[in-house]
Amino acid sequence: MTRFPWKTALTVSTLLAATVYASAQMFSDRMNGHMQQGGTMDQMHQQMMQRGGMGNRGMMHGAQAGVTSTPTMPGQDAFGAIQEVVQLLQADAKTDWAKVNIEALRQHLIDMNEVTLHAAATQRDVDNGIEIKVTGEGRTLEAIKRMVPAHVSELREIGWNAKSDDLQNGVTLTVIASETQPLTKLRALGFMGIMVQGGHHQQHHLMMAAGRFVH
């Protein structure tokens, strides 16, 4: 067996120990670096979140700051409709204030509210058309009697085949289908879908308030 000199063995052992120590030291340094970097990243993340939160709050404050100091919504549909008409009348130098009747418009808007929200509408099919019994009581009945026959006249002017007949507690609205108003469409529209046809309401409101039209 070849003898291994003790001095050589000592040298090799010393080199191995030094290498192991250096490797351990480098690993420790890297771990410390990662931990420090992780801490830095955590700090950066927290700062970004804080800044983001401040930014969001700033945006919210900015959005709130952009809101006008005076409300623009009238708060009630009829009120808004009357307000719009009054503004138009005031802007028109030709308005004859001796004929203006805002109360007439208000009463008509009450009629519209009664018919739209409180009238009962029972629909059935008839020969190539539909028949709707529109009924109510008290103020609702009064509104039905005024609005439905008047609207039938408007429907006829725009080419619809429609008629109305009086009932003790309301009105019967009959609409016959045509090429432009097929039966499937009439059934789908129903009472209120038919009542909103045409664009005469807005102009009539202005004329009514100006004293040039009575519904």
N, C-alpha and C. Protein backbone atom coordinates (compact mmCIF):
# COMPACT_ATOMS: atom_id res chain seq x y z
N MET A 1 0.86 -1.20 0.00
CA MET A 1 0.00 0.00 0.00
C MET A 1 0.89 1.24 0.00
N THR A 2 0.48 2.23 -0.83
CA THR A 2 1.28 3.45 -0.93
C THR A 2 1.01 4.33 0.27
N ARG A 3 2.05 4.78 0.91
CA ARG A 3 1.87 5.67 2.05
C ARG A 3 1.58 7.09 1.59
N PHE A 4 0.57 7.68 2.27
CA PHE A 4 0.18 9.06 1.94
C PHE A 4 0.84 9.98 2.95
N PRO A 5 1.73 10.87 2.52
CA PRO A 5 2.50 11.73 3.45
C PRO A 5 1.54 12.52 4.34
N TRP A 6 1.89 12.61 5.62
CA TRP A 6 1.01 13.31 6.55
C TRP A 6 0.92 14.80 6.27
N LYS A 7 1.99 15.36 5.74
CA LYS A 7 1.97 16.79 5.41
C LYS A 7 0.99 17.07 4.28
N THR A 8 0.99 16.14 3.30
CA THR A 8 0.06 16.31 2.17
C THR A 8 -1.38 16.21 2.65
N ALA A 9 -1.63 15.25 3.54
CA ALA A 9 -2.99 15.08 4.08
C ALA A 9 -3.44 16.32 4.83
N LEU A 10 -2.51 16.90 5.58
CA LEU A 10 -2.86 18.11 6.33
C LEU A 10 -3.18 19.26 5.40
N THR A 11 -2.41 19.36 4.35
CA THR A 11 -2.65 20.45 3.38
C THR A 11 -4.01 20.31 2.72
N VAL A 12 -4.32 19.07 2.30
CA VAL A 12 -5.61 18.82 1.64
C VAL A 12 -6.76 19.13 2.58
N SER A 13 -6.62 18.70 3.85
CA SER A 13 -7.67 18.94 4.84
C SER A 13 -7.89 20.44 5.04
N THR A 14 -6.78 21.17 5.09
CA THR A 14 -6.88 22.64 5.27
C THR A 14 -7.60 23.30 4.11
N LEU A 15 -7.25 22.86 2.87
CA LEU A 15 -7.89 23.42 1.68
C LEU A 15 -9.39 23.11 1.66
N LEU A 16 -9.75 21.87 2.01
CA LEU A 16 -11.16 21.50 2.03
C LEU A 16 -11.93 22.32 3.05
N ALA A 17 -11.35 22.50 4.23
CA ALA A 17 -12.01 23.29 5.27
C ALA A 17 -12.22 24.72 4.82
N ALA A 18 -11.20 25.27 4.16
CA ALA A 18 -11.30 26.66 3.69
C ALA A 18 -12.38 26.80 2.63
N THR A 19 -12.45 25.78 1.74
CA THR A 19 -13.46 25.81 0.67
C THR A 19 -14.87 25.73 1.24
N VAL A 20 -15.05 24.81 2.20
CA VAL A 20 -16.37 24.66 2.83
C VAL A 20 -16.78 25.95 3.54
N TYR A 21 -15.83 26.58 4.24
CA TYR A 21 -16.13 27.81 4.97
C TYR A 21 -16.52 28.92 4.00
N ALA A 22 -15.76 29.01 2.88
CA ALA A 22 -16.05 30.06 1.90
C ALA A 22 -17.42 29.87 1.28
N SER A 23 -17.74 28.59 0.97
CA SER A 23 -19.05 28.31 0.37
C SER A 23 -20.17 28.65 1.34
N ALA A 24 -19.99 28.29 2.60
CA ALA A 24 -21.01 28.59 3.61
C ALA A 24 -21.19 30.08 3.77
N GLN A 25 -20.05 30.82 3.74
CA GLN A 25 -20.12 32.26 3.90
C GLN A 25 -20.87 32.91 2.73
N MET A 26 -20.58 32.41 1.49
CA MET A 26 -21.27 32.95 0.31
C MET A 26 -22.77 32.67 0.37
N PHE A 27 -23.14 31.45 0.80
CA PHE A 27 -24.56 31.10 0.92
C PHE A 27 -25.27 31.99 1.94
N SER A 28 -24.56 32.23 3.06
CA SER A 28 -25.15 33.08 4.10
C SER A 28 -25.36 34.51 3.60
N ASP A 29 -24.34 35.00 2.83
CA ASP A 29 -24.47 36.35 2.30
C ASP A 29 -25.65 36.46 1.34
N ARG A 30 -25.80 35.40 0.48
CA ARG A 30 -26.91 35.43 -0.47
C ARG A 30 -28.27 35.41 0.24
N MET A 31 -28.36 34.58 1.29
CA MET A 31 -29.61 34.51 2.04
C MET A 31 -29.93 35.84 2.70
N ASN A 32 -28.91 36.46 3.28
CA ASN A 32 -29.13 37.77 3.89
C ASN A 32 -29.57 38.79 2.87
N GLY A 33 -28.95 38.69 1.66
CA GLY A 33 -29.31 39.62 0.58
C GLY A 33 -30.75 39.46 0.16
N HIS A 34 -31.18 38.16 0.04
CA HIS A 34 -32.59 37.91 -0.34
C HIS A 34 -33.54 38.42 0.72
N MET A 35 -33.18 38.18 2.00
CA MET A 35 -34.05 38.64 3.08
C MET A 35 -34.16 40.16 3.08
N GLN A 36 -33.00 40.81 2.85
CA GLN A 36 -33.03 42.27 2.82
C GLN A 36 -33.83 42.77 1.62
N GLN A 37 -33.64 42.05 0.48
CA GLN A 37 -34.39 42.45 -0.71
C GLN A 37 -35.89 42.24 -0.50
N GLY A 38 -36.22 41.09 0.15
CA GLY A 38 -37.62 40.83 0.46
C GLY A 38 -38.20 41.90 1.35
N GLY A 39 -37.43 42.30 2.35
CA GLY A 39 -37.89 43.37 3.22
C GLY A 39 -38.08 44.65 2.46
N THR A 40 -37.15 44.92 1.55
CA THR A 40 -37.26 46.12 0.74
C THR A 40 -38.50 46.06 -0.15
N MET A 41 -38.72 44.86 -0.76
CA MET A 41 -39.89 44.71 -1.61
C MET A 41 -41.18 44.89 -0.82
N ASP A 42 -41.20 44.33 0.40
CA ASP A 42 -42.39 44.51 1.25
C ASP A 42 -42.63 45.98 1.55
N GLN A 43 -41.55 46.68 1.86
CA GLN A 43 -41.66 48.11 2.15
C GLN A 43 -42.16 48.87 0.92
N MET A 44 -41.59 48.50 -0.26
CA MET A 44 -42.02 49.16 -1.49
C MET A 44 -43.50 48.89 -1.76
N HIS A 45 -43.92 47.62 -1.54
CA HIS A 45 -45.32 47.27 -1.77
C HIS A 45 -46.24 48.08 -0.85
N GLN A 46 -45.84 48.16 0.42
CA GLN A 46 -46.65 48.92 1.37
C GLN A 46 -46.73 50.39 0.97
N GLN A 47 -45.59 50.93 0.52
CA GLN A 47 -45.59 52.33 0.10
C GLN A 47 -46.49 52.55 -1.11
N MET A 48 -46.42 51.57 -2.07
CA MET A 48 -47.27 51.69 -3.26
C MET A 48 -48.74 51.62 -2.90
N MET A 49 -49.07 50.70 -1.96
CA MET A 49 -50.45 50.59 -1.52
C MET A 49 -50.92 51.87 -0.86
N GLN A 50 -50.03 52.44 -0.02
CA GLN A 50 -50.39 53.68 0.64
C GLN A 50 -50.57 54.80 -0.36
N ARG A 51 -49.63 54.86 -1.32
CA ARG A 51 -49.75 55.90 -2.34
C ARG A 51 -50.99 55.67 -3.21
N GLY A 52 -51.25 54.37 -3.53
CA GLY A 52 -52.43 54.06 -4.32
C GLY A 52 -53.69 54.46 -3.59
N GLY A 53 -53.71 54.16 -2.29
CA GLY A 53 -54.87 54.55 -1.50
C GLY A 53 -55.06 56.04 -1.48
N MET A 54 -53.94 56.75 -1.32
CA MET A 54 -54.02 58.21 -1.34
C MET A 54 -54.47 58.69 -2.70
N GLY A 55 -53.98 57.97 -3.77
CA GLY A 55 -54.38 58.37 -5.11
C GLY A 55 -55.87 58.16 -5.34
N ASN A 56 -56.36 57.00 -4.86
CA ASN A 56 -57.79 56.73 -5.01
C ASN A 56 -58.63 57.75 -4.26
N ARG A 57 -58.16 58.05 -3.03
CA ARG A 57 -58.90 59.06 -2.27
C ARG A 57 -58.85 60.40 -2.97
N GLY A 58 -57.68 60.67 -3.57
CA GLY A 58 -57.56 61.93 -4.30
C GLY A 58 -58.49 61.98 -5.49
N MET A 59 -58.59 60.80 -6.20
CA MET A 59 -59.49 60.76 -7.34
C MET A 59 -60.93 60.94 -6.90
N MET A 60 -61.27 60.29 -5.77
CA MET A 60 -62.64 60.44 -5.27
C MET A 60 -62.93 61.89 -4.90
N HIS A 61 -61.96 62.50 -4.22
CA HIS A 61 -62.16 63.91 -3.86
C HIS A 61 -62.25 64.76 -5.12
N GLY A 62 -61.44 64.38 -6.13
CA GLY A 62 -61.47 65.14 -7.38
C GLY A 62 -62.82 65.02 -8.06
N ALA A 63 -63.36 63.76 -8.07
CA ALA A 63 -64.66 63.55 -8.68
C ALA A 63 -65.75 64.33 -7.94
N GLN A 64 -65.66 64.31 -6.61
CA GLN A 64 -66.63 65.06 -5.84
C GLN A 64 -66.48 66.55 -6.07
N ALA A 65 -65.24 66.96 -6.25
CA ALA A 65 -65.01 68.39 -6.48
C ALA A 65 -65.60 68.83 -7.81
N GLY A 66 -65.72 67.84 -8.79
CA GLY A 66 -66.28 68.19 -10.08
C GLY A 66 -67.79 68.31 -10.08
N VAL A 67 -68.46 67.87 -9.03
CA VAL A 67 -69.91 67.98 -8.94
C VAL A 67 -70.31 69.44 -8.77
N THR A 68 -71.35 69.82 -9.52
CA THR A 68 -71.78 71.21 -9.42
C THR A 68 -72.37 71.48 -8.05
N SER A 69 -72.31 72.71 -7.66
CA SER A 69 -72.78 73.08 -6.33
C SER A 69 -74.29 73.21 -6.26
N THR A 70 -74.96 73.19 -7.44
CA THR A 70 -76.41 73.32 -7.49
C THR A 70 -77.02 72.07 -8.13
N PRO A 71 -78.01 71.42 -7.51
CA PRO A 71 -78.64 70.23 -8.11
C PRO A 71 -79.28 70.58 -9.45
N THR A 72 -79.28 69.60 -10.37
CA THR A 72 -79.86 69.82 -11.70
C THR A 72 -81.15 69.04 -11.91
N MET A 73 -81.40 67.99 -11.11
CA MET A 73 -82.60 67.20 -11.28
C MET A 73 -83.78 67.87 -10.56
N PRO A 74 -84.96 67.93 -11.22
CA PRO A 74 -86.10 68.60 -10.58
C PRO A 74 -86.69 67.80 -9.42
N GLY A 75 -86.47 66.48 -9.41
CA GLY A 75 -86.93 65.67 -8.29
C GLY A 75 -88.28 65.01 -8.51
N GLN A 76 -89.01 65.44 -9.52
CA GLN A 76 -90.33 64.85 -9.80
C GLN A 76 -90.65 65.09 -11.28
N ASP A 77 -91.13 64.05 -11.97
CA ASP A 77 -91.29 64.11 -13.42
C ASP A 77 -92.23 65.23 -13.87
N ALA A 78 -93.41 65.31 -13.25
CA ALA A 78 -94.37 66.34 -13.66
C ALA A 78 -93.81 67.73 -13.40
N PHE A 79 -93.15 67.88 -12.26
CA PHE A 79 -92.52 69.16 -11.93
C PHE A 79 -91.51 69.54 -13.00
N GLY A 80 -90.69 68.57 -13.40
CA GLY A 80 -89.68 68.83 -14.43
C GLY A 80 -90.29 69.18 -15.77
N ALA A 81 -91.39 68.49 -16.14
CA ALA A 81 -92.05 68.79 -17.41
C ALA A 81 -92.62 70.21 -17.42
N ILE A 82 -93.22 70.60 -16.30
CA ILE A 82 -93.77 71.96 -16.21
C ILE A 82 -92.65 72.98 -16.22
N GLN A 83 -91.58 72.69 -15.51
CA GLN A 83 -90.44 73.61 -15.47
C GLN A 83 -89.89 73.84 -16.87
N GLU A 84 -89.76 72.76 -17.65
CA GLU A 84 -89.23 72.88 -19.01
C GLU A 84 -90.14 73.75 -19.88
N VAL A 85 -91.44 73.52 -19.78
CA VAL A 85 -92.39 74.30 -20.59
C VAL A 85 -92.36 75.78 -20.18
N VAL A 86 -92.31 76.04 -18.89
CA VAL A 86 -92.25 77.44 -18.42
C VAL A 86 -90.99 78.13 -18.94
N GLN A 87 -89.88 77.44 -18.93
CA GLN A 87 -88.64 78.03 -19.44
C GLN A 87 -88.76 78.35 -20.93
N LEU A 88 -89.41 77.46 -21.69
CA LEU A 88 -89.61 77.71 -23.12
C LEU A 88 -90.51 78.92 -23.34
N LEU A 89 -91.56 79.01 -22.55
CA LEU A 89 -92.46 80.15 -22.68
C LEU A 89 -91.76 81.46 -22.34
N GLN A 90 -90.95 81.44 -21.30
CA GLN A 90 -90.22 82.65 -20.89
C GLN A 90 -89.16 83.05 -21.91
N ALA A 91 -88.63 82.07 -22.63
CA ALA A 91 -87.60 82.37 -23.62
C ALA A 91 -88.19 82.86 -24.94
N ASP A 92 -89.51 82.70 -25.11
CA ASP A 92 -90.17 83.10 -26.35
C ASP A 92 -90.78 84.49 -26.18
N ALA A 93 -90.26 85.44 -26.93
CA ALA A 93 -90.74 86.82 -26.82
C ALA A 93 -92.19 86.96 -27.30
N LYS A 94 -92.69 85.99 -28.05
CA LYS A 94 -94.05 86.06 -28.58
C LYS A 94 -95.09 85.46 -27.64
N THR A 95 -94.66 84.95 -26.51
CA THR A 95 -95.60 84.35 -25.57
C THR A 95 -96.65 85.36 -25.11
N ASP A 96 -97.91 85.00 -25.24
CA ASP A 96 -99.01 85.85 -24.79
C ASP A 96 -99.37 85.40 -23.37
N TRP A 97 -98.87 86.11 -22.38
CA TRP A 97 -99.06 85.69 -21.00
C TRP A 97 -100.51 85.81 -20.54
N ALA A 98 -101.32 86.53 -21.29
CA ALA A 98 -102.75 86.62 -20.95
C ALA A 98 -103.46 85.30 -21.26
N LYS A 99 -102.87 84.47 -22.11
CA LYS A 99 -103.48 83.19 -22.48
C LYS A 99 -102.81 81.99 -21.79
N VAL A 100 -101.65 82.18 -21.21
CA VAL A 100 -100.92 81.06 -20.61
C VAL A 100 -101.73 80.42 -19.49
N ASN A 101 -101.74 79.07 -19.49
CA ASN A 101 -102.52 78.32 -18.50
C ASN A 101 -101.69 77.12 -18.03
N ILE A 102 -100.83 77.35 -17.09
CA ILE A 102 -99.96 76.28 -16.57
C ILE A 102 -100.79 75.25 -15.80
N GLU A 103 -101.88 75.69 -15.18
CA GLU A 103 -102.72 74.76 -14.43
C GLU A 103 -103.35 73.70 -15.34
N ALA A 104 -103.69 74.08 -16.57
CA ALA A 104 -104.24 73.11 -17.51
C ALA A 104 -103.22 72.00 -17.79
N LEU A 105 -101.97 72.39 -17.94
CA LEU A 105 -100.92 71.40 -18.15
C LEU A 105 -100.76 70.51 -16.93
N ARG A 106 -100.83 71.11 -15.75
CA ARG A 106 -100.69 70.31 -14.52
C ARG A 106 -101.81 69.27 -14.43
N GLN A 107 -103.03 69.66 -14.74
CA GLN A 107 -104.14 68.72 -14.68
C GLN A 107 -103.98 67.59 -15.71
N HIS A 108 -103.45 67.93 -16.86
CA HIS A 108 -103.21 66.91 -17.89
C HIS A 108 -102.13 65.92 -17.44
N LEU A 109 -101.11 66.43 -16.80
CA LEU A 109 -100.05 65.54 -16.30
C LEU A 109 -100.58 64.62 -15.20
N ILE A 110 -101.54 65.11 -14.41
CA ILE A 110 -102.20 64.25 -13.42
C ILE A 110 -102.98 63.15 -14.14
N ASP A 111 -103.66 63.52 -15.23
CA ASP A 111 -104.37 62.51 -16.03
C ASP A 111 -103.41 61.44 -16.53
N MET A 112 -102.27 61.86 -17.04
CA MET A 112 -101.29 60.92 -17.56
C MET A 112 -100.81 59.98 -16.46
N ASN A 113 -100.62 60.52 -15.29
CA ASN A 113 -100.16 59.70 -14.17
C ASN A 113 -101.24 58.67 -13.78
N GLU A 114 -102.49 59.10 -13.74
CA GLU A 114 -103.59 58.20 -13.37
C GLU A 114 -103.73 57.06 -14.39
N VAL A 115 -103.72 57.42 -15.67
CA VAL A 115 -103.89 56.40 -16.71
C VAL A 115 -102.70 55.44 -16.75
N THR A 116 -101.51 55.98 -16.62
CA THR A 116 -100.30 55.14 -16.71
C THR A 116 -100.16 54.19 -15.53
N LEU A 117 -100.44 54.68 -14.32
CA LEU A 117 -100.14 53.91 -13.12
C LEU A 117 -101.34 53.24 -12.47
N HIS A 118 -102.55 53.80 -12.67
CA HIS A 118 -103.69 53.32 -11.88
C HIS A 118 -104.81 52.68 -12.70
N ALA A 119 -104.84 52.89 -14.00
CA ALA A 119 -105.90 52.30 -14.82
C ALA A 119 -105.68 50.79 -14.97
N ALA A 120 -106.81 50.04 -14.98
CA ALA A 120 -106.74 48.60 -15.25
C ALA A 120 -106.96 48.40 -16.75
N ALA A 121 -106.17 47.51 -17.37
CA ALA A 121 -106.27 47.26 -18.81
C ALA A 121 -106.39 45.75 -19.04
N THR A 122 -107.56 45.33 -19.56
CA THR A 122 -107.79 43.92 -19.84
C THR A 122 -107.84 43.72 -21.35
N GLN A 123 -106.91 42.93 -21.86
CA GLN A 123 -106.73 42.79 -23.30
C GLN A 123 -107.20 41.41 -23.77
N ARG A 124 -107.87 41.41 -24.95
CA ARG A 124 -108.25 40.13 -25.57
C ARG A 124 -108.16 40.27 -27.08
N ASP A 125 -108.00 39.12 -27.75
CA ASP A 125 -107.92 39.11 -29.21
C ASP A 125 -109.32 39.19 -29.80
N VAL A 126 -109.42 39.96 -30.88
CA VAL A 126 -110.65 39.99 -31.68
C VAL A 126 -110.24 39.67 -33.11
N ASP A 127 -111.19 39.70 -34.04
CA ASP A 127 -110.91 39.36 -35.43
C ASP A 127 -109.85 40.31 -36.01
N ASN A 128 -108.63 39.79 -36.18
CA ASN A 128 -107.49 40.52 -36.76
C ASN A 128 -107.16 41.79 -35.99
N GLY A 129 -107.27 41.71 -34.67
CA GLY A 129 -106.93 42.88 -33.87
C GLY A 129 -106.98 42.56 -32.39
N ILE A 130 -106.93 43.61 -31.58
CA ILE A 130 -107.03 43.44 -30.13
C ILE A 130 -108.05 44.44 -29.58
N GLU A 131 -108.64 44.04 -28.46
CA GLU A 131 -109.58 44.91 -27.76
C GLU A 131 -109.12 45.03 -26.31
N ILE A 132 -109.06 46.26 -25.84
CA ILE A 132 -108.58 46.50 -24.48
C ILE A 132 -109.63 47.29 -23.71
N LYS A 133 -110.09 46.72 -22.61
CA LYS A 133 -111.02 47.43 -21.73
C LYS A 133 -110.19 48.16 -20.68
N VAL A 134 -110.23 49.49 -20.73
CA VAL A 134 -109.47 50.33 -19.81
C VAL A 134 -110.45 50.89 -18.79
N THR A 135 -110.27 50.50 -17.54
CA THR A 135 -111.26 50.86 -16.52
C THR A 135 -110.60 51.45 -15.27
N GLY A 136 -111.41 52.16 -14.48
CA GLY A 136 -110.92 52.74 -13.24
C GLY A 136 -112.06 53.40 -12.48
N GLU A 137 -111.70 54.04 -11.40
CA GLU A 137 -112.69 54.72 -10.56
C GLU A 137 -112.22 56.13 -10.23
N GLY A 138 -113.18 56.99 -9.89
CA GLY A 138 -112.84 58.33 -9.42
C GLY A 138 -112.00 59.12 -10.40
N ARG A 139 -110.89 59.65 -9.88
CA ARG A 139 -110.02 60.50 -10.71
C ARG A 139 -109.40 59.70 -11.85
N THR A 140 -109.16 58.43 -11.64
CA THR A 140 -108.60 57.59 -12.70
C THR A 140 -109.59 57.44 -13.85
N LEU A 141 -110.87 57.23 -13.52
CA LEU A 141 -111.90 57.11 -14.54
C LEU A 141 -112.02 58.39 -15.37
N GLU A 142 -111.98 59.52 -14.70
CA GLU A 142 -112.04 60.80 -15.41
C GLU A 142 -110.88 60.93 -16.40
N ALA A 143 -109.71 60.53 -15.96
CA ALA A 143 -108.53 60.61 -16.82
C ALA A 143 -108.65 59.68 -18.02
N ILE A 144 -109.18 58.47 -17.80
CA ILE A 144 -109.36 57.52 -18.90
C ILE A 144 -110.30 58.10 -19.95
N LYS A 145 -111.41 58.67 -19.50
CA LYS A 145 -112.41 59.23 -20.41
C LYS A 145 -111.84 60.37 -21.25
N ARG A 146 -110.91 61.11 -20.69
CA ARG A 146 -110.31 62.22 -21.43
C ARG A 146 -109.19 61.76 -22.36
N MET A 147 -108.34 60.89 -21.87
CA MET A 147 -107.11 60.59 -22.61
C MET A 147 -107.27 59.57 -23.71
N VAL A 148 -107.98 58.47 -23.46
CA VAL A 148 -108.01 57.39 -24.44
C VAL A 148 -108.70 57.81 -25.74
N PRO A 149 -109.91 58.39 -25.71
CA PRO A 149 -110.53 58.83 -26.98
C PRO A 149 -109.67 59.87 -27.71
N ALA A 150 -109.07 60.78 -26.96
CA ALA A 150 -108.22 61.80 -27.60
C ALA A 150 -107.03 61.14 -28.29
N HIS A 151 -106.47 60.11 -27.67
CA HIS A 151 -105.31 59.45 -28.26
C HIS A 151 -105.70 58.65 -29.50
N VAL A 152 -106.92 58.11 -29.49
CA VAL A 152 -107.40 57.38 -30.68
C VAL A 152 -107.41 58.31 -31.89
N SER A 153 -107.83 59.55 -31.69
CA SER A 153 -107.82 60.53 -32.79
C SER A 153 -106.41 60.72 -33.32
N GLU A 154 -105.43 60.77 -32.42
CA GLU A 154 -104.05 60.93 -32.85
C GLU A 154 -103.56 59.69 -33.59
N LEU A 155 -103.96 58.51 -33.13
CA LEU A 155 -103.57 57.26 -33.80
C LEU A 155 -104.10 57.23 -35.24
N ARG A 156 -105.31 57.66 -35.42
CA ARG A 156 -105.89 57.68 -36.77
C ARG A 156 -105.12 58.62 -37.69
N GLU A 157 -104.69 59.73 -37.14
CA GLU A 157 -103.95 60.70 -37.95
C GLU A 157 -102.61 60.15 -38.44
N ILE A 158 -102.03 59.21 -37.68
CA ILE A 158 -100.74 58.65 -38.10
C ILE A 158 -100.91 57.29 -38.78
N GLY A 159 -102.19 56.95 -39.14
CA GLY A 159 -102.43 55.77 -39.96
C GLY A 159 -102.83 54.50 -39.26
N TRP A 160 -103.14 54.56 -37.97
CA TRP A 160 -103.58 53.38 -37.25
C TRP A 160 -105.09 53.20 -37.41
N ASN A 161 -105.53 51.93 -37.44
CA ASN A 161 -106.96 51.62 -37.50
C ASN A 161 -107.43 51.38 -36.07
N ALA A 162 -107.88 52.45 -35.41
CA ALA A 162 -108.23 52.37 -34.00
C ALA A 162 -109.55 53.08 -33.74
N LYS A 163 -110.24 52.65 -32.68
CA LYS A 163 -111.47 53.31 -32.26
C LYS A 163 -111.64 53.12 -30.76
N SER A 164 -112.52 53.94 -30.16
CA SER A 164 -112.82 53.82 -28.73
C SER A 164 -114.32 53.86 -28.53
N ASP A 165 -114.77 53.11 -27.54
CA ASP A 165 -116.19 53.08 -27.18
C ASP A 165 -116.30 53.26 -25.67
N ASP A 166 -117.30 54.04 -25.27
CA ASP A 166 -117.50 54.32 -23.84
C ASP A 166 -118.01 53.09 -23.09
N LEU A 167 -117.52 52.94 -21.90
CA LEU A 167 -118.04 51.98 -20.93
C LEU A 167 -118.49 52.75 -19.70
N GLN A 168 -119.28 52.13 -18.87
CA GLN A 168 -119.72 52.80 -17.66
C GLN A 168 -118.56 53.14 -16.75
N ASN A 169 -117.58 52.26 -16.70
CA ASN A 169 -116.43 52.47 -15.82
C ASN A 169 -115.13 52.64 -16.59
N GLY A 170 -115.23 53.07 -17.85
CA GLY A 170 -114.01 53.27 -18.61
C GLY A 170 -114.23 53.41 -20.09
N VAL A 171 -113.30 52.87 -20.87
CA VAL A 171 -113.33 52.97 -22.33
C VAL A 171 -112.83 51.66 -22.92
N THR A 172 -113.43 51.26 -24.05
CA THR A 172 -112.91 50.11 -24.80
C THR A 172 -112.08 50.63 -25.97
N LEU A 173 -110.82 50.23 -26.02
CA LEU A 173 -109.90 50.62 -27.09
C LEU A 173 -109.72 49.42 -28.01
N THR A 174 -110.06 49.61 -29.28
CA THR A 174 -109.92 48.54 -30.27
C THR A 174 -108.96 48.98 -31.36
N VAL A 175 -107.99 48.14 -31.66
CA VAL A 175 -107.02 48.43 -32.71
C VAL A 175 -106.95 47.23 -33.64
N ILE A 176 -107.15 47.47 -34.94
CA ILE A 176 -107.13 46.41 -35.95
C ILE A 176 -105.76 46.38 -36.62
N ALA A 177 -105.27 45.18 -36.83
CA ALA A 177 -103.94 45.01 -37.42
C ALA A 177 -103.92 45.47 -38.88
N SER A 178 -102.75 45.82 -39.33
CA SER A 178 -102.56 46.24 -40.72
C SER A 178 -101.17 45.79 -41.17
N GLU A 179 -100.82 46.14 -42.38
CA GLU A 179 -99.50 45.75 -42.89
C GLU A 179 -98.39 46.39 -42.07
N THR A 180 -98.58 47.63 -41.67
CA THR A 180 -97.55 48.33 -40.88
C THR A 180 -97.65 48.04 -39.39
N GLN A 181 -98.84 47.63 -38.95
CA GLN A 181 -99.04 47.30 -37.53
C GLN A 181 -99.59 45.88 -37.42
N PRO A 182 -98.77 44.87 -37.60
CA PRO A 182 -99.26 43.48 -37.58
C PRO A 182 -99.80 43.09 -36.21
N LEU A 183 -100.60 42.04 -36.20
CA LEU A 183 -101.27 41.59 -34.98
C LEU A 183 -100.27 41.21 -33.89
N THR A 184 -99.19 40.55 -34.27
CA THR A 184 -98.18 40.16 -33.27
C THR A 184 -97.61 41.38 -32.56
N LYS A 185 -97.38 42.45 -33.30
CA LYS A 185 -96.85 43.68 -32.72
C LYS A 185 -97.87 44.32 -31.78
N LEU A 186 -99.16 44.36 -32.20
CA LEU A 186 -100.20 44.96 -31.37
C LEU A 186 -100.32 44.22 -30.04
N ARG A 187 -100.30 42.89 -30.10
CA ARG A 187 -100.39 42.11 -28.87
C ARG A 187 -99.22 42.42 -27.93
N ALA A 188 -98.05 42.57 -28.52
CA ALA A 188 -96.86 42.84 -27.71
C ALA A 188 -96.89 44.24 -27.11
N LEU A 189 -97.38 45.22 -27.86
CA LEU A 189 -97.42 46.60 -27.38
C LEU A 189 -98.40 46.75 -26.21
N GLY A 190 -99.59 46.16 -26.36
CA GLY A 190 -100.58 46.29 -25.32
C GLY A 190 -101.04 47.73 -25.13
N PHE A 191 -101.70 47.98 -24.03
CA PHE A 191 -102.33 49.29 -23.80
C PHE A 191 -101.32 50.43 -23.80
N MET A 192 -100.33 50.39 -22.92
CA MET A 192 -99.41 51.53 -22.82
C MET A 192 -98.48 51.64 -24.02
N GLY A 193 -98.14 50.52 -24.63
CA GLY A 193 -97.32 50.59 -25.84
C GLY A 193 -98.04 51.31 -26.96
N ILE A 194 -99.36 51.14 -27.02
CA ILE A 194 -100.17 51.85 -28.01
C ILE A 194 -100.35 53.31 -27.61
N MET A 195 -100.54 53.56 -26.33
CA MET A 195 -100.78 54.93 -25.86
C MET A 195 -99.57 55.85 -26.09
N VAL A 196 -98.38 55.32 -26.15
CA VAL A 196 -97.20 56.18 -26.31
C VAL A 196 -96.82 56.40 -27.77
N GLN A 197 -97.63 55.87 -28.69
CA GLN A 197 -97.32 56.03 -30.10
C GLN A 197 -97.47 57.49 -30.53
N GLY A 198 -96.62 57.91 -31.46
CA GLY A 198 -96.66 59.28 -31.95
C GLY A 198 -95.82 60.21 -31.10
N GLY A 199 -95.48 61.36 -31.65
CA GLY A 199 -94.64 62.32 -30.91
C GLY A 199 -95.37 63.61 -30.62
N HIS A 200 -96.69 63.50 -30.40
CA HIS A 200 -97.49 64.72 -30.24
C HIS A 200 -97.53 65.22 -28.80
N HIS A 201 -97.22 64.37 -27.83
CA HIS A 201 -97.40 64.74 -26.43
C HIS A 201 -96.63 66.00 -26.04
N GLN A 202 -95.35 66.03 -26.39
CA GLN A 202 -94.52 67.16 -25.95
C GLN A 202 -95.02 68.48 -26.54
N GLN A 203 -95.33 68.47 -27.85
CA GLN A 203 -95.82 69.70 -28.48
C GLN A 203 -97.17 70.11 -27.92
N HIS A 204 -98.02 69.14 -27.64
CA HIS A 204 -99.33 69.45 -27.05
C HIS A 204 -99.19 70.06 -25.66
N HIS A 205 -98.21 69.59 -24.92
CA HIS A 205 -97.99 70.15 -23.58
C HIS A 205 -97.64 71.64 -23.67
N LEU A 206 -96.78 71.97 -24.61
CA LEU A 206 -96.39 73.37 -24.77
C LEU A 206 -97.59 74.21 -25.23
N MET A 207 -98.36 73.68 -26.21
CA MET A 207 -99.52 74.42 -26.70
C MET A 207 -100.58 74.58 -25.61
N MET A 208 -100.74 73.52 -24.79
CA MET A 208 -101.72 73.57 -23.72
C MET A 208 -101.38 74.65 -22.71
N ALA A 209 -100.10 74.69 -22.32
CA ALA A 209 -99.65 75.69 -21.35
C ALA A 209 -99.74 77.10 -21.91
N ALA A 210 -99.53 77.21 -23.22
CA ALA A 210 -99.59 78.52 -23.87
C ALA A 210 -101.01 78.99 -24.13
N GLY A 211 -102.00 78.12 -23.85
CA GLY A 211 -103.39 78.49 -24.06
C GLY A 211 -103.85 78.32 -25.49
N ARG A 212 -103.12 77.53 -26.29
CA ARG A 212 -103.48 77.35 -27.70
C ARG A 212 -104.07 75.98 -27.99
N PHE A 213 -104.23 75.14 -26.97
CA PHE A 213 -104.73 73.79 -27.21
C PHE A 213 -105.38 73.27 -25.94
N VAL A 214 -106.54 72.63 -26.11
CA VAL A 214 -107.22 72.01 -24.98
C VAL A 214 -107.34 70.53 -25.29
N HIS A 215 -106.84 69.66 -24.40
CA HIS A 215 -106.87 68.23 -24.65
C HIS A 215 -108.32 67.75 -24.63
